[in-house]
Amino acid sequence: MPVRIEEFETGELPQGPSIPVQVITFLHANRDRAFTRSEIATGIDADPNTVGTALSRLKSRDLVRHKGKYWALTDDLERVSDAYDLHAISQRLDEEDGGIDPAKWDATAPDEPHPSEQDG
């Protein structure tokens, strides 16, 4: 959804659930059906390209299924619940302590990628 340039310039951007959270919420509410990317975008009032990116990332985390042009929530609802709990805890911790300082993270993060980030 576009924002006014004044909001963009001042940094006072609308807050709300992220697109991936909106996608999961939409698919969970409609878990008896599968949707195209465009239908999901219309359902959450978001740009189809942004929804497509979110769907690809959610698929890589096994939170959604994809067949042809259709997308649906994974049938592993426990996985969805666990992901939601982790997201909620991370969000709460960020609110309590201001989140992760990127400079400190870069200084202490391991140089080697996590095995889940490696190709192959």
PDB file of N, CA and C in Angstrom:
ATOM      1  N   MET A   1       0.838  -1.157   0.000  1.00  0.00           N
ATOM      2  CA  MET A   1       0.000   0.000   0.000  1.00  0.00           C
ATOM      3  C   MET A   1       0.894   1.233   0.000  1.00  0.00           C
ATOM      4  N   PRO A   2       0.649   2.159  -0.901  1.00  0.00           N
ATOM      5  CA  PRO A   2       1.488   3.357  -0.942  1.00  0.00           C
ATOM      6  C   PRO A   2       1.272   4.245   0.284  1.00  0.00           C
ATOM      7  N   VAL A   3       2.301   5.024   0.599  1.00  0.00           N
ATOM      8  CA  VAL A   3       2.195   6.004   1.682  1.00  0.00           C
ATOM      9  C   VAL A   3       2.438   7.388   1.101  1.00  0.00           C
ATOM     10  N   ARG A   4       1.921   8.373   1.788  1.00  0.00           N
ATOM     11  CA  ARG A   4       2.152   9.752   1.349  1.00  0.00           C
ATOM     12  C   ARG A   4       3.637  10.068   1.482  1.00  0.00           C
ATOM     13  N   ILE A   5       4.138  10.909   0.595  1.00  0.00           N
ATOM     14  CA  ILE A   5       5.564  11.240   0.597  1.00  0.00           C
ATOM     15  C   ILE A   5       5.963  11.898   1.913  1.00  0.00           C
ATOM     16  N   GLU A   6       5.052  12.629   2.542  1.00  0.00           N
ATOM     17  CA  GLU A   6       5.344  13.249   3.841  1.00  0.00           C
ATOM     18  C   GLU A   6       5.633  12.176   4.891  1.00  0.00           C
ATOM     19  N   GLU A   7       4.858  11.083   4.854  1.00  0.00           N
ATOM     20  CA  GLU A   7       5.087   9.986   5.792  1.00  0.00           C
ATOM     21  C   GLU A   7       6.432   9.325   5.504  1.00  0.00           C
ATOM     22  N   PHE A   8       6.731   9.155   4.228  1.00  0.00           N
ATOM     23  CA  PHE A   8       7.995   8.561   3.822  1.00  0.00           C
ATOM     24  C   PHE A   8       9.171   9.418   4.287  1.00  0.00           C
ATOM     25  N   GLU A   9       9.088  10.718   4.041  1.00  0.00           N
ATOM     26  CA  GLU A   9      10.182  11.629   4.376  1.00  0.00           C
ATOM     27  C   GLU A   9      10.415  11.731   5.875  1.00  0.00           C
ATOM     28  N   THR A  10       9.343  11.739   6.671  1.00  0.00           N
ATOM     29  CA  THR A  10       9.498  11.892   8.117  1.00  0.00           C
ATOM     30  C   THR A  10       9.801  10.580   8.816  1.00  0.00           C
ATOM     31  N   GLY A  11       9.624   9.478   8.107  1.00  0.00           N
ATOM     32  CA  GLY A  11       9.848   8.181   8.726  1.00  0.00           C
ATOM     33  C   GLY A  11       8.666   7.696   9.542  1.00  0.00           C
ATOM     34  N   GLU A  12       7.567   8.437   9.525  1.00  0.00           N
ATOM     35  CA  GLU A  12       6.370   8.053  10.264  1.00  0.00           C
ATOM     36  C   GLU A  12       5.524   7.134   9.385  1.00  0.00           C
ATOM     37  N   LEU A  13       6.053   5.952   9.179  1.00  0.00           N
ATOM     38  CA  LEU A  13       5.408   5.004   8.290  1.00  0.00           C
ATOM     39  C   LEU A  13       4.374   4.188   9.056  1.00  0.00           C
ATOM     40  N   PRO A  14       3.341   3.759   8.356  1.00  0.00           N
ATOM     41  CA  PRO A  14       2.305   2.950   9.031  1.00  0.00           C
ATOM     42  C   PRO A  14       2.903   1.679   9.613  1.00  0.00           C
ATOM     43  N   GLN A  15       2.437   1.324  10.787  1.00  0.00           N
ATOM     44  CA  GLN A  15       2.877   0.103  11.442  1.00  0.00           C
ATOM     45  C   GLN A  15       1.757  -0.923  11.356  1.00  0.00           C
ATOM     46  N   GLY A  16       2.104  -2.138  11.303  1.00  0.00           N
ATOM     47  CA  GLY A  16       1.114  -3.201  11.245  1.00  0.00           C
ATOM     48  C   GLY A  16       1.802  -4.504  10.936  1.00  0.00           C
ATOM     49  N   PRO A  17       1.009  -5.534  10.782  1.00  0.00           N
ATOM     50  CA  PRO A  17       1.611  -6.836  10.495  1.00  0.00           C
ATOM     51  C   PRO A  17       2.368  -6.819   9.169  1.00  0.00           C
ATOM     52  N   SER A  18       3.467  -7.537   9.122  1.00  0.00           N
ATOM     53  CA  SER A  18       4.254  -7.634   7.898  1.00  0.00           C
ATOM     54  C   SER A  18       3.467  -8.414   6.850  1.00  0.00           C
ATOM     55  N   ILE A  19       3.907  -8.323   5.610  1.00  0.00           N
ATOM     56  CA  ILE A  19       3.244  -9.053   4.524  1.00  0.00           C
ATOM     57  C   ILE A  19       3.273 -10.561   4.785  1.00  0.00           C
ATOM     58  N   PRO A  20       4.418 -11.152   5.190  1.00  0.00           N
ATOM     59  CA  PRO A  20       4.377 -12.584   5.473  1.00  0.00           C
ATOM     60  C   PRO A  20       3.369 -12.963   6.563  1.00  0.00           C
ATOM     61  N   VAL A  21       3.275 -12.150   7.595  1.00  0.00           N
ATOM     62  CA  VAL A  21       2.297 -12.426   8.656  1.00  0.00           C
ATOM     63  C   VAL A  21       0.880 -12.320   8.101  1.00  0.00           C
ATOM     64  N   GLN A  22       0.636 -11.317   7.270  1.00  0.00           N
ATOM     65  CA  GLN A  22      -0.683 -11.172   6.667  1.00  0.00           C
ATOM     66  C   GLN A  22      -1.016 -12.354   5.759  1.00  0.00           C
ATOM     67  N   VAL A  23      -0.021 -12.833   5.001  1.00  0.00           N
ATOM     68  CA  VAL A  23      -0.226 -13.981   4.112  1.00  0.00           C
ATOM     69  C   VAL A  23      -0.586 -15.214   4.933  1.00  0.00           C
ATOM     70  N   ILE A  24       0.198 -15.494   5.968  1.00  0.00           N
ATOM     71  CA  ILE A  24      -0.071 -16.668   6.811  1.00  0.00           C
ATOM     72  C   ILE A  24      -1.442 -16.547   7.471  1.00  0.00           C
ATOM     73  N   THR A  25      -1.775 -15.368   7.965  1.00  0.00           N
ATOM     74  CA  THR A  25      -3.079 -15.160   8.604  1.00  0.00           C
ATOM     75  C   THR A  25      -4.207 -15.407   7.612  1.00  0.00           C
ATOM     76  N   PHE A  26      -4.065 -14.876   6.396  1.00  0.00           N
ATOM     77  CA  PHE A  26      -5.076 -15.066   5.353  1.00  0.00           C
ATOM     78  C   PHE A  26      -5.219 -16.544   5.001  1.00  0.00           C
ATOM     79  N   LEU A  27      -4.094 -17.217   4.770  1.00  0.00           N
ATOM     80  CA  LEU A  27      -4.149 -18.624   4.393  1.00  0.00           C
ATOM     81  C   LEU A  27      -4.670 -19.495   5.537  1.00  0.00           C
ATOM     82  N   HIS A  28      -4.350 -19.130   6.759  1.00  0.00           N
ATOM     83  CA  HIS A  28      -4.857 -19.892   7.900  1.00  0.00           C
ATOM     84  C   HIS A  28      -6.368 -19.730   8.023  1.00  0.00           C
ATOM     85  N   ALA A  29      -6.852 -18.519   7.832  1.00  0.00           N
ATOM     86  CA  ALA A  29      -8.298 -18.268   7.903  1.00  0.00           C
ATOM     87  C   ALA A  29      -9.044 -18.986   6.781  1.00  0.00           C
ATOM     88  N   ASN A  30      -8.344 -19.281   5.703  1.00  0.00           N
ATOM     89  CA  ASN A  30      -8.938 -19.932   4.530  1.00  0.00           C
ATOM     90  C   ASN A  30      -8.225 -21.244   4.221  1.00  0.00           C
ATOM     91  N   ARG A  31      -7.864 -21.988   5.257  1.00  0.00           N
ATOM     92  CA  ARG A  31      -7.004 -23.162   5.074  1.00  0.00           C
ATOM     93  C   ARG A  31      -7.665 -24.321   4.339  1.00  0.00           C
ATOM     94  N   ASP A  32      -8.948 -24.194   4.032  1.00  0.00           N
ATOM     95  CA  ASP A  32      -9.629 -25.233   3.260  1.00  0.00           C
ATOM     96  C   ASP A  32      -9.564 -24.966   1.760  1.00  0.00           C
ATOM     97  N   ARG A  33      -8.791 -23.946   1.357  1.00  0.00           N
ATOM     98  CA  ARG A  33      -8.677 -23.571  -0.054  1.00  0.00           C
ATOM     99  C   ARG A  33      -7.232 -23.218  -0.397  1.00  0.00           C
ATOM    100  N   ALA A  34      -6.970 -23.212  -1.711  1.00  0.00           N
ATOM    101  CA  ALA A  34      -5.681 -22.748  -2.240  1.00  0.00           C
ATOM    102  C   ALA A  34      -5.973 -21.542  -3.123  1.00  0.00           C
ATOM    103  N   PHE A  35      -5.023 -20.612  -3.183  1.00  0.00           N
ATOM    104  CA  PHE A  35      -5.214 -19.341  -3.873  1.00  0.00           C
ATOM    105  C   PHE A  35      -4.040 -19.037  -4.789  1.00  0.00           C
ATOM    106  N   THR A  36      -4.302 -18.226  -5.811  1.00  0.00           N
ATOM    107  CA  THR A  36      -3.211 -17.694  -6.624  1.00  0.00           C
ATOM    108  C   THR A  36      -2.563 -16.547  -5.863  1.00  0.00           C
ATOM    109  N   ARG A  37      -1.385 -16.191  -6.303  1.00  0.00           N
ATOM    110  CA  ARG A  37      -0.684 -15.048  -5.697  1.00  0.00           C
ATOM    111  C   ARG A  37      -1.543 -13.799  -5.771  1.00  0.00           C
ATOM    112  N   SER A  38      -2.182 -13.570  -6.903  1.00  0.00           N
ATOM    113  CA  SER A  38      -3.025 -12.380  -7.068  1.00  0.00           C
ATOM    114  C   SER A  38      -4.220 -12.392  -6.132  1.00  0.00           C
ATOM    115  N   GLU A  39      -4.805 -13.560  -5.943  1.00  0.00           N
ATOM    116  CA  GLU A  39      -5.953 -13.655  -5.033  1.00  0.00           C
ATOM    117  C   GLU A  39      -5.538 -13.365  -3.593  1.00  0.00           C
ATOM    118  N   ILE A  40      -4.370 -13.857  -3.209  1.00  0.00           N
ATOM    119  CA  ILE A  40      -3.862 -13.563  -1.860  1.00  0.00           C
ATOM    120  C   ILE A  40      -3.593 -12.070  -1.736  1.00  0.00           C
ATOM    121  N   ALA A  41      -2.951 -11.485  -2.754  1.00  0.00           N
ATOM    122  CA  ALA A  41      -2.655 -10.046  -2.733  1.00  0.00           C
ATOM    123  C   ALA A  41      -3.936  -9.235  -2.589  1.00  0.00           C
ATOM    124  N   THR A  42      -4.969  -9.608  -3.331  1.00  0.00           N
ATOM    125  CA  THR A  42      -6.255  -8.914  -3.220  1.00  0.00           C
ATOM    126  C   THR A  42      -6.840  -9.115  -1.831  1.00  0.00           C
ATOM    127  N   GLY A  43      -6.738 -10.320  -1.310  1.00  0.00           N
ATOM    128  CA  GLY A  43      -7.296 -10.634   0.000  1.00  0.00           C
ATOM    129  C   GLY A  43      -6.674  -9.863   1.141  1.00  0.00           C
ATOM    130  N   ILE A  44      -5.395  -9.492   0.999  1.00  0.00           N
ATOM    131  CA  ILE A  44      -4.727  -8.736   2.075  1.00  0.00           C
ATOM    132  C   ILE A  44      -4.426  -7.296   1.663  1.00  0.00           C
ATOM    133  N   ASP A  45      -4.888  -6.913   0.478  1.00  0.00           N
ATOM    134  CA  ASP A  45      -4.679  -5.558  -0.042  1.00  0.00           C
ATOM    135  C   ASP A  45      -3.190  -5.199  -0.100  1.00  0.00           C
ATOM    136  N   ALA A  46      -2.432  -6.029  -0.821  1.00  0.00           N
ATOM    137  CA  ALA A  46      -0.991  -5.820  -0.949  1.00  0.00           C
ATOM    138  C   ALA A  46      -0.574  -5.993  -2.397  1.00  0.00           C
ATOM    139  N   ASP A  47       0.607  -5.524  -2.717  1.00  0.00           N
ATOM    140  CA  ASP A  47       1.164  -5.648  -4.059  1.00  0.00           C
ATOM    141  C   ASP A  47       1.447  -7.121  -4.366  1.00  0.00           C
ATOM    142  N   PRO A  48       1.014  -7.631  -5.523  1.00  0.00           N
ATOM    143  CA  PRO A  48       1.250  -9.039  -5.861  1.00  0.00           C
ATOM    144  C   PRO A  48       2.726  -9.437  -5.886  1.00  0.00           C
ATOM    145  N   ASN A  49       3.611  -8.533  -6.299  1.00  0.00           N
ATOM    146  CA  ASN A  49       5.037  -8.864  -6.307  1.00  0.00           C
ATOM    147  C   ASN A  49       5.580  -9.032  -4.891  1.00  0.00           C
ATOM    148  N   THR A  50       5.124  -8.191  -3.981  1.00  0.00           N
ATOM    149  CA  THR A  50       5.533  -8.311  -2.580  1.00  0.00           C
ATOM    150  C   THR A  50       5.004  -9.610  -1.992  1.00  0.00           C
ATOM    151  N   VAL A  51       3.765  -9.943  -2.323  1.00  0.00           N
ATOM    152  CA  VAL A  51       3.177 -11.200  -1.858  1.00  0.00           C
ATOM    153  C   VAL A  51       3.955 -12.385  -2.434  1.00  0.00           C
ATOM    154  N   GLY A  52       4.351 -12.294  -3.702  1.00  0.00           N
ATOM    155  CA  GLY A  52       5.129 -13.366  -4.323  1.00  0.00           C
ATOM    156  C   GLY A  52       6.442 -13.610  -3.607  1.00  0.00           C
ATOM    157  N   THR A  53       7.122 -12.544  -3.240  1.00  0.00           N
ATOM    158  CA  THR A  53       8.373 -12.663  -2.495  1.00  0.00           C
ATOM    159  C   THR A  53       8.122 -13.323  -1.144  1.00  0.00           C
ATOM    160  N   ALA A  54       7.073 -12.871  -0.461  1.00  0.00           N
ATOM    161  CA  ALA A  54       6.738 -13.444   0.845  1.00  0.00           C
ATOM    162  C   ALA A  54       6.413 -14.932   0.710  1.00  0.00           C
ATOM    163  N   LEU A  55       5.641 -15.289  -0.311  1.00  0.00           N
ATOM    164  CA  LEU A  55       5.281 -16.693  -0.513  1.00  0.00           C
ATOM    165  C   LEU A  55       6.520 -17.552  -0.745  1.00  0.00           C
ATOM    166  N   SER A  56       7.454 -17.074  -1.545  1.00  0.00           N
ATOM    167  CA  SER A  56       8.684 -17.831  -1.792  1.00  0.00           C
ATOM    168  C   SER A  56       9.466 -18.056  -0.506  1.00  0.00           C
ATOM    169  N   ARG A  57       9.551 -17.028   0.312  1.00  0.00           N
ATOM    170  CA  ARG A  57      10.277 -17.162   1.583  1.00  0.00           C
ATOM    171  C   ARG A  57       9.536 -18.087   2.542  1.00  0.00           C
ATOM    172  N   LEU A  58       8.219 -17.985   2.576  1.00  0.00           N
ATOM    173  CA  LEU A  58       7.428 -18.863   3.436  1.00  0.00           C
ATOM    174  C   LEU A  58       7.535 -20.316   2.977  1.00  0.00           C
ATOM    175  N   LYS A  59       7.603 -20.524   1.670  1.00  0.00           N
ATOM    176  CA  LYS A  59       7.757 -21.881   1.138  1.00  0.00           C
ATOM    177  C   LYS A  59       9.106 -22.460   1.549  1.00  0.00           C
ATOM    178  N   SER A  60      10.154 -21.652   1.501  1.00  0.00           N
ATOM    179  CA  SER A  60      11.486 -22.143   1.882  1.00  0.00           C
ATOM    180  C   SER A  60      11.537 -22.520   3.359  1.00  0.00           C
ATOM    181  N   ARG A  61      10.588 -22.022   4.136  1.00  0.00           N
ATOM    182  CA  ARG A  61      10.492 -22.356   5.565  1.00  0.00           C
ATOM    183  C   ARG A  61       9.417 -23.421   5.830  1.00  0.00           C
ATOM    184  N   ASP A  62       8.913 -23.994   4.744  1.00  0.00           N
ATOM    185  CA  ASP A  62       7.884 -25.042   4.823  1.00  0.00           C
ATOM    186  C   ASP A  62       6.624 -24.587   5.563  1.00  0.00           C
ATOM    187  N   LEU A  63       6.240 -23.326   5.371  1.00  0.00           N
ATOM    188  CA  LEU A  63       5.023 -22.818   5.996  1.00  0.00           C
ATOM    189  C   LEU A  63       3.864 -22.732   5.010  1.00  0.00           C
ATOM    190  N   VAL A  64       4.165 -22.799   3.716  1.00  0.00           N
ATOM    191  CA  VAL A  64       3.127 -22.833   2.686  1.00  0.00           C
ATOM    192  C   VAL A  64       3.480 -23.910   1.661  1.00  0.00           C
ATOM    193  N   ARG A  65       2.459 -24.329   0.918  1.00  0.00           N
ATOM    194  CA  ARG A  65       2.635 -25.309  -0.162  1.00  0.00           C
ATOM    195  C   ARG A  65       2.327 -24.614  -1.483  1.00  0.00           C
ATOM    196  N   HIS A  66       2.926 -25.126  -2.565  1.00  0.00           N
ATOM    197  CA  HIS A  66       2.758 -24.512  -3.878  1.00  0.00           C
ATOM    198  C   HIS A  66       2.598 -25.598  -4.928  1.00  0.00           C
ATOM    199  N   LYS A  67       1.517 -25.496  -5.703  1.00  0.00           N
ATOM    200  CA  LYS A  67       1.302 -26.404  -6.833  1.00  0.00           C
ATOM    201  C   LYS A  67       0.780 -25.572  -7.981  1.00  0.00           C
ATOM    202  N   GLY A  68       1.501 -25.614  -9.094  1.00  0.00           N
ATOM    203  CA  GLY A  68       1.094 -24.809 -10.240  1.00  0.00           C
ATOM    204  C   GLY A  68       1.096 -23.340  -9.864  1.00  0.00           C
ATOM    205  N   LYS A  69      -0.028 -22.685 -10.047  1.00  0.00           N
ATOM    206  CA  LYS A  69      -0.117 -21.267  -9.680  1.00  0.00           C
ATOM    207  C   LYS A  69      -0.823 -21.063  -8.342  1.00  0.00           C
ATOM    208  N   TYR A  70      -1.058 -22.156  -7.616  1.00  0.00           N
ATOM    209  CA  TYR A  70      -1.812 -22.069  -6.363  1.00  0.00           C
ATOM    210  C   TYR A  70      -0.932 -22.246  -5.138  1.00  0.00           C
ATOM    211  N   TRP A  71      -1.346 -21.555  -4.084  1.00  0.00           N
ATOM    212  CA  TRP A  71      -0.644 -21.572  -2.809  1.00  0.00           C
ATOM    213  C   TRP A  71      -1.640 -21.901  -1.700  1.00  0.00           C
ATOM    214  N   ALA A  72      -1.165 -22.647  -0.707  1.00  0.00           N
ATOM    215  CA  ALA A  72      -1.986 -22.990   0.450  1.00  0.00           C
ATOM    216  C   ALA A  72      -1.086 -23.074   1.677  1.00  0.00           C
ATOM    217  N   LEU A  73      -1.710 -22.985   2.820  1.00  0.00           N
ATOM    218  CA  LEU A  73      -0.996 -23.146   4.076  1.00  0.00           C
ATOM    219  C   LEU A  73      -0.493 -24.585   4.180  1.00  0.00           C
ATOM    220  N   THR A  74       0.645 -24.779   4.803  1.00  0.00           N
ATOM    221  CA  THR A  74       1.133 -26.132   5.038  1.00  0.00           C
ATOM    222  C   THR A  74       0.101 -26.919   5.828  1.00  0.00           C
ATOM    223  N   ASP A  75       0.107 -28.225   5.676  1.00  0.00           N
ATOM    224  CA  ASP A  75      -0.811 -29.030   6.471  1.00  0.00           C
ATOM    225  C   ASP A  75      -0.237 -29.327   7.860  1.00  0.00           C
ATOM    226  N   ASP A  76       1.000 -28.873   8.109  1.00  0.00           N
ATOM    227  CA  ASP A  76       1.641 -29.019   9.421  1.00  0.00           C
ATOM    228  C   ASP A  76       1.335 -27.775  10.256  1.00  0.00           C
ATOM    229  N   LEU A  77       0.150 -27.758  10.864  1.00  0.00           N
ATOM    230  CA  LEU A  77      -0.275 -26.574  11.618  1.00  0.00           C
ATOM    231  C   LEU A  77       0.567 -26.351  12.865  1.00  0.00           C
ATOM    232  N   GLU A  78       1.184 -27.406  13.383  1.00  0.00           N
ATOM    233  CA  GLU A  78       2.074 -27.234  14.525  1.00  0.00           C
ATOM    234  C   GLU A  78       3.292 -26.395  14.120  1.00  0.00           C
ATOM    235  N   ARG A  79       3.782 -26.618  12.900  1.00  0.00           N
ATOM    236  CA  ARG A  79       4.910 -25.829  12.390  1.00  0.00           C
ATOM    237  C   ARG A  79       4.529 -24.353  12.293  1.00  0.00           C
ATOM    238  N   VAL A  80       3.324 -24.080  11.808  1.00  0.00           N
ATOM    239  CA  VAL A  80       2.842 -22.700  11.707  1.00  0.00           C
ATOM    240  C   VAL A  80       2.735 -22.088  13.099  1.00  0.00           C
ATOM    241  N   SER A  81       2.196 -22.832  14.033  1.00  0.00           N
ATOM    242  CA  SER A  81       2.058 -22.348  15.409  1.00  0.00           C
ATOM    243  C   SER A  81       3.422 -22.039  16.022  1.00  0.00           C
ATOM    244  N   ASP A  82       4.383 -22.939  15.819  1.00  0.00           N
ATOM    245  CA  ASP A  82       5.734 -22.716  16.340  1.00  0.00           C
ATOM    246  C   ASP A  82       6.373 -21.478  15.721  1.00  0.00           C
ATOM    247  N   ALA A  83       6.191 -21.294  14.418  1.00  0.00           N
ATOM    248  CA  ALA A  83       6.750 -20.119  13.735  1.00  0.00           C
ATOM    249  C   ALA A  83       6.109 -18.845  14.274  1.00  0.00           C
ATOM    250  N   TYR A  84       4.803 -18.883  14.493  1.00  0.00           N
ATOM    251  CA  TYR A  84       4.109 -17.711  15.032  1.00  0.00           C
ATOM    252  C   TYR A  84       4.622 -17.391  16.439  1.00  0.00           C
ATOM    253  N   ASP A  85       4.777 -18.425  17.269  1.00  0.00           N
ATOM    254  CA  ASP A  85       5.279 -18.210  18.629  1.00  0.00           C
ATOM    255  C   ASP A  85       6.670 -17.590  18.611  1.00  0.00           C
ATOM    256  N   LEU A  86       7.551 -18.102  17.745  1.00  0.00           N
ATOM    257  CA  LEU A  86       8.896 -17.546  17.633  1.00  0.00           C
ATOM    258  C   LEU A  86       8.847 -16.091  17.186  1.00  0.00           C
ATOM    259  N   HIS A  87       8.008 -15.799  16.202  1.00  0.00           N
ATOM    260  CA  HIS A  87       7.857 -14.428  15.717  1.00  0.00           C
ATOM    261  C   HIS A  87       7.372 -13.511  16.837  1.00  0.00           C
ATOM    262  N   ALA A  88       6.370 -13.960  17.590  1.00  0.00           N
ATOM    263  CA  ALA A  88       5.810 -13.134  18.671  1.00  0.00           C
ATOM    264  C   ALA A  88       6.849 -12.882  19.762  1.00  0.00           C
ATOM    265  N   ILE A  89       7.619 -13.903  20.111  1.00  0.00           N
ATOM    266  CA  ILE A  89       8.655 -13.747  21.131  1.00  0.00           C
ATOM    267  C   ILE A  89       9.733 -12.783  20.643  1.00  0.00           C
ATOM    268  N   SER A  90      10.168 -12.936  19.398  1.00  0.00           N
ATOM    269  CA  SER A  90      11.193 -12.042  18.842  1.00  0.00           C
ATOM    270  C   SER A  90      10.707 -10.601  18.823  1.00  0.00           C
ATOM    271  N   GLN A  91       9.459 -10.419  18.426  1.00  0.00           N
ATOM    272  CA  GLN A  91       8.899  -9.072  18.375  1.00  0.00           C
ATOM    273  C   GLN A  91       8.839  -8.461  19.774  1.00  0.00           C
ATOM    274  N   ARG A  92       8.416  -9.252  20.757  1.00  0.00           N
ATOM    275  CA  ARG A  92       8.333  -8.754  22.129  1.00  0.00           C
ATOM    276  C   ARG A  92       9.721  -8.384  22.648  1.00  0.00           C
ATOM    277  N   LEU A  93      10.714  -9.222  22.381  1.00  0.00           N
ATOM    278  CA  LEU A  93      12.072  -8.919  22.824  1.00  0.00           C
ATOM    279  C   LEU A  93      12.596  -7.654  22.161  1.00  0.00           C
ATOM    280  N   ASP A  94      12.315  -7.469  20.874  1.00  0.00           N
ATOM    281  CA  ASP A  94      12.734  -6.247  20.182  1.00  0.00           C
ATOM    282  C   ASP A  94      12.104  -5.016  20.825  1.00  0.00           C
ATOM    283  N   GLU A  95      10.836  -5.114  21.188  1.00  0.00           N
ATOM    284  CA  GLU A  95      10.150  -3.985  21.818  1.00  0.00           C
ATOM    285  C   GLU A  95      10.743  -3.678  23.186  1.00  0.00           C
ATOM    286  N   GLU A  96      11.148  -4.729  23.912  1.00  0.00           N
ATOM    287  CA  GLU A  96      11.677  -4.550  25.265  1.00  0.00           C
ATOM    288  C   GLU A  96      13.090  -3.982  25.282  1.00  0.00           C
ATOM    289  N   ASP A  97      13.930  -4.433  24.337  1.00  0.00           N
ATOM    290  CA  ASP A  97      15.335  -4.002  24.400  1.00  0.00           C
ATOM    291  C   ASP A  97      15.816  -3.244  23.168  1.00  0.00           C
ATOM    292  N   GLY A  98      14.918  -2.892  22.289  1.00  0.00           N
ATOM    293  CA  GLY A  98      15.295  -2.117  21.121  1.00  0.00           C
ATOM    294  C   GLY A  98      15.791  -2.937  19.951  1.00  0.00           C
ATOM    295  N   GLY A  99      15.814  -4.247  20.082  1.00  0.00           N
ATOM    296  CA  GLY A  99      16.201  -5.090  18.961  1.00  0.00           C
ATOM    297  C   GLY A  99      17.700  -5.293  18.859  1.00  0.00           C
ATOM    298  N   ILE A 100      18.101  -5.910  17.788  1.00  0.00           N
ATOM    299  CA  ILE A 100      19.508  -6.232  17.554  1.00  0.00           C
ATOM    300  C   ILE A 100      20.199  -5.032  16.919  1.00  0.00           C
ATOM    301  N   ASP A 101      21.317  -4.635  17.501  1.00  0.00           N
ATOM    302  CA  ASP A 101      22.141  -3.573  16.940  1.00  0.00           C
ATOM    303  C   ASP A 101      22.965  -4.189  15.809  1.00  0.00           C
ATOM    304  N   PRO A 102      22.744  -3.764  14.556  1.00  0.00           N
ATOM    305  CA  PRO A 102      23.447  -4.388  13.430  1.00  0.00           C
ATOM    306  C   PRO A 102      24.972  -4.347  13.557  1.00  0.00           C
ATOM    307  N   ALA A 103      25.523  -3.267  14.081  1.00  0.00           N
ATOM    308  CA  ALA A 103      26.980  -3.173  14.211  1.00  0.00           C
ATOM    309  C   ALA A 103      27.505  -4.197  15.218  1.00  0.00           C
ATOM    310  N   LYS A 104      26.809  -4.341  16.346  1.00  0.00           N
ATOM    311  CA  LYS A 104      27.221  -5.335  17.343  1.00  0.00           C
ATOM    312  C   LYS A 104      27.058  -6.744  16.788  1.00  0.00           C
ATOM    313  N   TRP A 105      25.972  -6.965  16.049  1.00  0.00           N
ATOM    314  CA  TRP A 105      25.755  -8.295  15.467  1.00  0.00           C
ATOM    315  C   TRP A 105      26.882  -8.639  14.499  1.00  0.00           C
ATOM    316  N   ASP A 106      27.221  -7.702  13.622  1.00  0.00           N
ATOM    317  CA  ASP A 106      28.282  -7.948  12.653  1.00  0.00           C
ATOM    318  C   ASP A 106      29.611  -8.236  13.348  1.00  0.00           C
ATOM    319  N   ALA A 107      29.844  -7.578  14.488  1.00  0.00           N
ATOM    320  CA  ALA A 107      31.102  -7.764  15.204  1.00  0.00           C
ATOM    321  C   ALA A 107      31.175  -9.133  15.877  1.00  0.00           C
ATOM    322  N   THR A 108      30.023  -9.717  16.243  1.00  0.00           N
ATOM    323  CA  THR A 108      30.032 -10.979  16.978  1.00  0.00           C
ATOM    324  C   THR A 108      29.503 -12.168  16.189  1.00  0.00           C
ATOM    325  N   ALA A 109      28.875 -11.926  15.063  1.00  0.00           N
ATOM    326  CA  ALA A 109      28.296 -13.022  14.279  1.00  0.00           C
ATOM    327  C   ALA A 109      29.396 -13.896  13.705  1.00  0.00           C
ATOM    328  N   PRO A 110      29.146 -15.195  13.620  1.00  0.00           N
ATOM    329  CA  PRO A 110      30.175 -16.077  13.042  1.00  0.00           C
ATOM    330  C   PRO A 110      30.380 -15.776  11.561  1.00  0.00           C
ATOM    331  N   ASP A 111      31.614 -15.977  11.098  1.00  0.00           N
ATOM    332  CA  ASP A 111      31.944 -15.732   9.697  1.00  0.00           C
ATOM    333  C   ASP A 111      31.349 -16.804   8.780  1.00  0.00           C
ATOM    334  N   GLU A 112      31.246 -18.018   9.281  1.00  0.00           N
ATOM    335  CA  GLU A 112      30.718 -19.129   8.485  1.00  0.00           C
ATOM    336  C   GLU A 112      29.200 -19.075   8.483  1.00  0.00           C
ATOM    337  N   PRO A 113      28.584 -19.311   7.319  1.00  0.00           N
ATOM    338  CA  PRO A 113      27.123 -19.335   7.276  1.00  0.00           C
ATOM    339  C   PRO A 113      26.583 -20.550   8.023  1.00  0.00           C
ATOM    340  N   HIS A 114      25.402 -20.395   8.542  1.00  0.00           N
ATOM    341  CA  HIS A 114      24.714 -21.503   9.208  1.00  0.00           C
ATOM    342  C   HIS A 114      24.456 -22.583   8.159  1.00  0.00           C
ATOM    343  N   PRO A 115      24.483 -23.869   8.525  1.00  0.00           N
ATOM    344  CA  PRO A 115      24.254 -24.935   7.535  1.00  0.00           C
ATOM    345  C   PRO A 115      22.967 -24.756   6.740  1.00  0.00           C
ATOM    346  N   SER A 116      21.936 -24.180   7.332  1.00  0.00           N
ATOM    347  CA  SER A 116      20.675 -23.985   6.607  1.00  0.00           C
ATOM    348  C   SER A 116      20.793 -22.919   5.520  1.00  0.00           C
ATOM    349  N   GLU A 117      21.839 -22.105   5.585  1.00  0.00           N
ATOM    350  CA  GLU A 117      22.041 -21.039   4.590  1.00  0.00           C
ATOM    351  C   GLU A 117      22.983 -21.457   3.466  1.00  0.00           C
ATOM    352  N   GLN A 118      23.564 -22.638   3.574  1.00  0.00           N
ATOM    353  CA  GLN A 118      24.509 -23.097   2.571  1.00  0.00           C
ATOM    354  C   GLN A 118      23.766 -23.779   1.431  1.00  0.00           C
ATOM    355  N   ASP A 119      24.304 -23.639   0.242  1.00  0.00           N
ATOM    356  CA  ASP A 119      23.729 -24.319  -0.920  1.00  0.00           C
ATOM    357  C   ASP A 119      24.035 -25.805  -0.842  1.00  0.00           C
ATOM    358  N   GLY A 120      23.103 -26.580  -1.410  1.00  0.00           N
ATOM    359  CA  GLY A 120      23.368 -28.006  -1.537  1.00  0.00           C
ATOM    360  C   GLY A 120      22.744 -28.798  -0.531  1.00  0.00           C
TER     361      GLY A 120
END
